Amino acid sequence: MKARKAKFALGQVVKHRFYPFRGVIFDVDPTFNNTEEWYNSIPEDVRPSKDQPFYHLFAENAETEYVAYVSEQNLLPDTSGDPIRHPQVTDIFVRSEDGIYVARRDMLN
């Protein structure tokens, strides 16, 4: 299994291709790195390939905030410009004036 280069970057705001949620990326796995139980809980007809980047998101939908683990094939850039309201975002990121999320540690350099 050869890992592909990640299409999305840390701090980038993305949305799910099919489900109504969006989030900011805080970590990337080069290939699937979760449990088989989690993987098998995805309906087979929409289950993604394991040999692609998987993203950890501070995610939100209309009702709540949570952490999501999403395959690259199921993400699209979110161009709304709306801030992410997830409470953990500010632990890791600072939102710049142009709406980009920058890791706090990068702000120190």
N, C-alpha and C. Protein backbone atom coordinates (compact mmCIF):
# COMPACT_ATOMS: atom_id res chain seq x y z
N MET A 1 0.84 -1.18 0.00
CA MET A 1 0.00 0.00 0.00
C MET A 1 0.89 1.25 0.00
N LYS A 2 0.85 2.01 -1.03
CA LYS A 2 1.67 3.22 -1.12
C LYS A 2 0.82 4.43 -0.71
N ALA A 3 1.34 5.18 0.25
CA ALA A 3 0.61 6.37 0.73
C ALA A 3 0.68 7.48 -0.32
N ARG A 4 -0.44 8.17 -0.48
CA ARG A 4 -0.48 9.32 -1.38
C ARG A 4 -0.20 10.59 -0.59
N LYS A 5 0.23 11.60 -1.29
CA LYS A 5 0.44 12.90 -0.67
C LYS A 5 -0.92 13.50 -0.32
N ALA A 6 -1.03 14.05 0.87
CA ALA A 6 -2.29 14.65 1.32
C ALA A 6 -2.67 15.85 0.46
N LYS A 7 -3.93 15.88 0.07
CA LYS A 7 -4.47 16.95 -0.78
C LYS A 7 -4.79 18.21 0.04
N PHE A 8 -5.16 18.00 1.31
CA PHE A 8 -5.55 19.09 2.19
C PHE A 8 -4.48 19.31 3.27
N ALA A 9 -4.44 20.52 3.82
CA ALA A 9 -3.40 20.90 4.78
C ALA A 9 -3.95 21.10 6.18
N LEU A 10 -3.06 21.01 7.17
CA LEU A 10 -3.44 21.32 8.54
C LEU A 10 -3.96 22.76 8.58
N GLY A 11 -5.05 22.96 9.29
CA GLY A 11 -5.65 24.29 9.40
C GLY A 11 -6.64 24.61 8.31
N GLN A 12 -6.71 23.76 7.29
CA GLN A 12 -7.64 24.03 6.18
C GLN A 12 -9.06 23.67 6.61
N VAL A 13 -10.02 24.49 6.19
CA VAL A 13 -11.43 24.22 6.47
C VAL A 13 -11.99 23.41 5.30
N VAL A 14 -12.62 22.29 5.63
CA VAL A 14 -13.18 21.39 4.62
C VAL A 14 -14.61 21.04 4.99
N LYS A 15 -15.31 20.48 4.02
CA LYS A 15 -16.67 20.01 4.28
C LYS A 15 -16.78 18.58 3.73
N HIS A 16 -17.72 17.83 4.27
CA HIS A 16 -17.93 16.47 3.81
C HIS A 16 -18.66 16.49 2.48
N ARG A 17 -18.28 15.62 1.60
CA ARG A 17 -18.86 15.54 0.26
C ARG A 17 -20.34 15.17 0.30
N PHE A 18 -20.75 14.34 1.25
CA PHE A 18 -22.13 13.84 1.27
C PHE A 18 -22.93 14.27 2.50
N TYR A 19 -22.27 14.41 3.64
CA TYR A 19 -22.98 14.69 4.88
C TYR A 19 -22.83 16.16 5.27
N PRO A 20 -23.83 16.71 5.96
CA PRO A 20 -23.83 18.15 6.25
C PRO A 20 -22.97 18.53 7.45
N PHE A 21 -21.65 18.37 7.30
CA PHE A 21 -20.76 18.88 8.33
C PHE A 21 -19.48 19.42 7.71
N ARG A 22 -18.81 20.27 8.48
CA ARG A 22 -17.56 20.89 8.04
C ARG A 22 -16.62 20.92 9.22
N GLY A 23 -15.36 21.21 8.98
CA GLY A 23 -14.42 21.28 10.09
C GLY A 23 -13.06 21.76 9.64
N VAL A 24 -12.17 21.90 10.63
CA VAL A 24 -10.80 22.30 10.35
C VAL A 24 -9.89 21.10 10.64
N ILE A 25 -8.95 20.86 9.74
CA ILE A 25 -8.05 19.70 9.85
C ILE A 25 -6.99 19.98 10.91
N PHE A 26 -6.87 19.03 11.88
CA PHE A 26 -5.82 19.19 12.89
C PHE A 26 -4.80 18.06 12.86
N ASP A 27 -5.02 17.02 12.05
CA ASP A 27 -4.03 15.95 11.91
C ASP A 27 -4.36 15.17 10.64
N VAL A 28 -3.35 14.50 10.09
CA VAL A 28 -3.53 13.70 8.88
C VAL A 28 -2.79 12.38 9.05
N ASP A 29 -3.45 11.29 8.71
CA ASP A 29 -2.81 9.98 8.62
C ASP A 29 -2.59 9.69 7.15
N PRO A 30 -1.38 9.23 6.74
CA PRO A 30 -1.11 8.97 5.32
C PRO A 30 -2.02 7.88 4.73
N THR A 31 -2.41 6.94 5.58
CA THR A 31 -3.38 5.90 5.20
C THR A 31 -4.26 5.65 6.42
N PHE A 32 -5.30 4.86 6.24
CA PHE A 32 -6.24 4.55 7.32
C PHE A 32 -5.50 4.08 8.57
N ASN A 33 -5.85 4.67 9.72
CA ASN A 33 -5.21 4.31 10.98
C ASN A 33 -6.23 4.38 12.12
N ASN A 34 -7.30 3.62 11.95
CA ASN A 34 -8.33 3.55 12.97
C ASN A 34 -8.65 2.06 13.15
N THR A 35 -9.65 1.75 13.96
CA THR A 35 -9.95 0.34 14.23
C THR A 35 -10.75 -0.31 13.09
N GLU A 36 -10.64 -1.61 12.99
CA GLU A 36 -11.43 -2.36 12.01
C GLU A 36 -12.92 -2.22 12.33
N GLU A 37 -13.24 -2.18 13.62
CA GLU A 37 -14.63 -2.01 14.04
C GLU A 37 -15.19 -0.70 13.48
N TRP A 38 -14.40 0.38 13.61
CA TRP A 38 -14.83 1.68 13.07
C TRP A 38 -15.01 1.58 11.57
N TYR A 39 -14.04 1.00 10.89
CA TYR A 39 -14.08 0.89 9.43
C TYR A 39 -15.29 0.08 8.97
N ASN A 40 -15.52 -1.03 9.63
CA ASN A 40 -16.64 -1.90 9.25
C ASN A 40 -18.01 -1.31 9.59
N SER A 41 -18.02 -0.26 10.42
CA SER A 41 -19.30 0.39 10.75
C SER A 41 -19.78 1.29 9.61
N ILE A 42 -18.89 1.58 8.65
CA ILE A 42 -19.26 2.39 7.49
C ILE A 42 -20.03 1.49 6.52
N PRO A 43 -21.18 1.92 6.05
CA PRO A 43 -21.92 1.09 5.08
C PRO A 43 -21.03 0.71 3.89
N GLU A 44 -21.06 -0.55 3.52
CA GLU A 44 -20.16 -1.07 2.50
C GLU A 44 -20.23 -0.30 1.18
N ASP A 45 -21.41 0.17 0.81
CA ASP A 45 -21.54 0.86 -0.48
C ASP A 45 -20.88 2.23 -0.49
N VAL A 46 -20.54 2.78 0.68
CA VAL A 46 -19.83 4.07 0.74
C VAL A 46 -18.50 3.97 1.49
N ARG A 47 -18.07 2.76 1.81
CA ARG A 47 -16.83 2.56 2.57
C ARG A 47 -15.63 2.95 1.70
N PRO A 48 -14.80 3.88 2.19
CA PRO A 48 -13.66 4.35 1.39
C PRO A 48 -12.50 3.36 1.41
N SER A 49 -11.64 3.50 0.43
CA SER A 49 -10.40 2.74 0.37
C SER A 49 -9.51 3.15 1.53
N LYS A 50 -8.74 2.21 2.08
CA LYS A 50 -7.84 2.52 3.19
C LYS A 50 -6.53 3.16 2.74
N ASP A 51 -6.20 3.06 1.46
CA ASP A 51 -4.89 3.52 0.97
C ASP A 51 -4.92 4.96 0.49
N GLN A 52 -5.47 5.83 1.30
CA GLN A 52 -5.54 7.26 1.00
C GLN A 52 -5.40 8.01 2.32
N PRO A 53 -5.06 9.28 2.27
CA PRO A 53 -5.00 10.04 3.53
C PRO A 53 -6.37 10.09 4.23
N PHE A 54 -6.31 10.04 5.55
CA PHE A 54 -7.48 10.21 6.40
C PHE A 54 -7.20 11.39 7.32
N TYR A 55 -8.22 12.24 7.50
CA TYR A 55 -8.06 13.50 8.20
C TYR A 55 -8.83 13.51 9.51
N HIS A 56 -8.20 14.09 10.53
CA HIS A 56 -8.83 14.32 11.82
C HIS A 56 -9.35 15.76 11.79
N LEU A 57 -10.63 15.93 12.03
CA LEU A 57 -11.24 17.26 11.96
C LEU A 57 -11.87 17.66 13.28
N PHE A 58 -11.73 18.93 13.62
CA PHE A 58 -12.61 19.53 14.62
C PHE A 58 -13.85 19.87 13.81
N ALA A 59 -14.88 19.05 13.94
CA ALA A 59 -16.03 19.12 13.05
C ALA A 59 -17.24 19.71 13.75
N GLU A 60 -18.18 20.16 12.91
CA GLU A 60 -19.44 20.70 13.42
C GLU A 60 -20.53 20.53 12.38
N ASN A 61 -21.74 20.35 12.90
CA ASN A 61 -22.91 20.40 12.03
C ASN A 61 -23.87 21.39 12.68
N ALA A 62 -25.09 21.44 12.23
CA ALA A 62 -26.04 22.42 12.75
C ALA A 62 -26.31 22.24 14.24
N GLU A 63 -26.18 21.00 14.75
CA GLU A 63 -26.55 20.71 16.13
C GLU A 63 -25.39 20.69 17.11
N THR A 64 -24.20 20.24 16.70
CA THR A 64 -23.16 19.95 17.68
C THR A 64 -21.76 20.05 17.09
N GLU A 65 -20.77 19.95 17.97
CA GLU A 65 -19.36 19.92 17.57
C GLU A 65 -18.79 18.58 18.03
N TYR A 66 -17.85 18.04 17.27
CA TYR A 66 -17.26 16.74 17.57
C TYR A 66 -15.96 16.58 16.79
N VAL A 67 -15.27 15.47 17.02
CA VAL A 67 -14.07 15.15 16.24
C VAL A 67 -14.47 14.09 15.22
N ALA A 68 -14.09 14.32 13.97
CA ALA A 68 -14.42 13.38 12.88
C ALA A 68 -13.13 12.84 12.27
N TYR A 69 -13.24 11.66 11.68
CA TYR A 69 -12.13 11.01 10.97
C TYR A 69 -12.65 10.70 9.58
N VAL A 70 -12.11 11.37 8.55
CA VAL A 70 -12.71 11.33 7.22
C VAL A 70 -11.66 11.05 6.16
N SER A 71 -12.04 10.19 5.21
CA SER A 71 -11.15 9.88 4.08
C SER A 71 -11.06 11.07 3.13
N GLU A 72 -9.92 11.17 2.46
CA GLU A 72 -9.71 12.28 1.53
C GLU A 72 -10.79 12.33 0.45
N GLN A 73 -11.21 11.17 -0.06
CA GLN A 73 -12.18 11.15 -1.15
C GLN A 73 -13.53 11.74 -0.75
N ASN A 74 -13.79 11.85 0.56
CA ASN A 74 -15.07 12.37 1.02
C ASN A 74 -15.00 13.82 1.50
N LEU A 75 -13.90 14.50 1.20
CA LEU A 75 -13.77 15.90 1.61
C LEU A 75 -13.66 16.84 0.42
N LEU A 76 -14.18 18.04 0.62
CA LEU A 76 -14.08 19.13 -0.36
C LEU A 76 -13.64 20.38 0.39
N PRO A 77 -12.97 21.31 -0.27
CA PRO A 77 -12.64 22.58 0.41
C PRO A 77 -13.93 23.31 0.79
N ASP A 78 -13.93 23.93 1.96
CA ASP A 78 -15.07 24.76 2.36
C ASP A 78 -14.68 26.20 2.06
N THR A 79 -15.42 26.83 1.19
CA THR A 79 -15.10 28.19 0.77
C THR A 79 -16.06 29.22 1.34
N SER A 80 -16.82 28.84 2.36
CA SER A 80 -17.83 29.75 2.93
C SER A 80 -17.19 30.94 3.64
N GLY A 81 -15.99 30.75 4.17
CA GLY A 81 -15.35 31.82 4.94
C GLY A 81 -15.86 31.94 6.36
N ASP A 82 -16.84 31.11 6.72
CA ASP A 82 -17.40 31.16 8.08
C ASP A 82 -16.41 30.52 9.06
N PRO A 83 -16.27 31.12 10.26
CA PRO A 83 -15.38 30.51 11.26
C PRO A 83 -15.93 29.18 11.77
N ILE A 84 -15.03 28.35 12.24
CA ILE A 84 -15.41 27.08 12.87
C ILE A 84 -15.66 27.37 14.35
N ARG A 85 -16.78 26.90 14.88
CA ARG A 85 -17.14 27.21 16.27
C ARG A 85 -16.69 26.13 17.26
N HIS A 86 -16.11 25.04 16.78
CA HIS A 86 -15.68 23.95 17.67
C HIS A 86 -14.79 24.52 18.78
N PRO A 87 -15.08 24.18 20.06
CA PRO A 87 -14.35 24.79 21.17
C PRO A 87 -12.86 24.46 21.22
N GLN A 88 -12.42 23.37 20.63
CA GLN A 88 -11.01 22.99 20.70
C GLN A 88 -10.15 23.68 19.63
N VAL A 89 -10.76 24.31 18.67
CA VAL A 89 -10.00 24.95 17.59
C VAL A 89 -9.00 25.95 18.15
N THR A 90 -9.42 26.75 19.12
CA THR A 90 -8.53 27.79 19.64
C THR A 90 -7.40 27.23 20.50
N ASP A 91 -7.47 25.95 20.89
CA ASP A 91 -6.37 25.31 21.61
C ASP A 91 -5.16 25.12 20.69
N ILE A 92 -5.42 24.93 19.42
CA ILE A 92 -4.36 24.60 18.45
C ILE A 92 -4.13 25.70 17.42
N PHE A 93 -5.20 26.38 17.04
CA PHE A 93 -5.11 27.34 15.93
C PHE A 93 -5.47 28.77 16.32
N VAL A 94 -4.94 29.68 15.53
CA VAL A 94 -5.34 31.08 15.57
C VAL A 94 -5.89 31.37 14.18
N ARG A 95 -7.04 32.03 14.13
CA ARG A 95 -7.64 32.36 12.83
C ARG A 95 -7.11 33.72 12.38
N SER A 96 -6.49 33.73 11.22
CA SER A 96 -5.92 34.97 10.70
C SER A 96 -7.03 35.87 10.15
N GLU A 97 -6.67 37.09 9.83
CA GLU A 97 -7.64 38.05 9.31
C GLU A 97 -8.29 37.58 8.02
N ASP A 98 -7.55 36.78 7.24
CA ASP A 98 -8.11 36.29 5.97
C ASP A 98 -8.85 34.96 6.13
N GLY A 99 -9.07 34.52 7.40
CA GLY A 99 -9.88 33.34 7.65
C GLY A 99 -9.13 32.02 7.64
N ILE A 100 -7.81 32.08 7.51
CA ILE A 100 -6.99 30.86 7.50
C ILE A 100 -6.65 30.50 8.95
N TYR A 101 -6.68 29.19 9.25
CA TYR A 101 -6.30 28.73 10.59
C TYR A 101 -4.83 28.37 10.57
N VAL A 102 -4.07 29.01 11.47
CA VAL A 102 -2.63 28.81 11.56
C VAL A 102 -2.33 28.18 12.92
N ALA A 103 -1.51 27.13 12.92
CA ALA A 103 -1.15 26.47 14.20
C ALA A 103 -0.47 27.47 15.11
N ARG A 104 -0.86 27.45 16.37
CA ARG A 104 -0.30 28.38 17.35
C ARG A 104 1.22 28.27 17.39
N ARG A 105 1.75 27.07 17.30
CA ARG A 105 3.21 26.90 17.37
C ARG A 105 3.90 27.58 16.19
N ASP A 106 3.22 27.65 15.04
CA ASP A 106 3.79 28.32 13.87
C ASP A 106 3.80 29.83 14.05
N MET A 107 2.93 30.33 14.88
CA MET A 107 2.85 31.76 15.12
C MET A 107 4.06 32.23 15.94
N LEU A 108 4.71 31.31 16.65
CA LEU A 108 5.84 31.65 17.51
C LEU A 108 7.12 31.84 16.71
N ASN A 109 7.18 31.28 15.51
CA ASN A 109 8.41 31.35 14.69
C ASN A 109 8.57 32.69 14.03
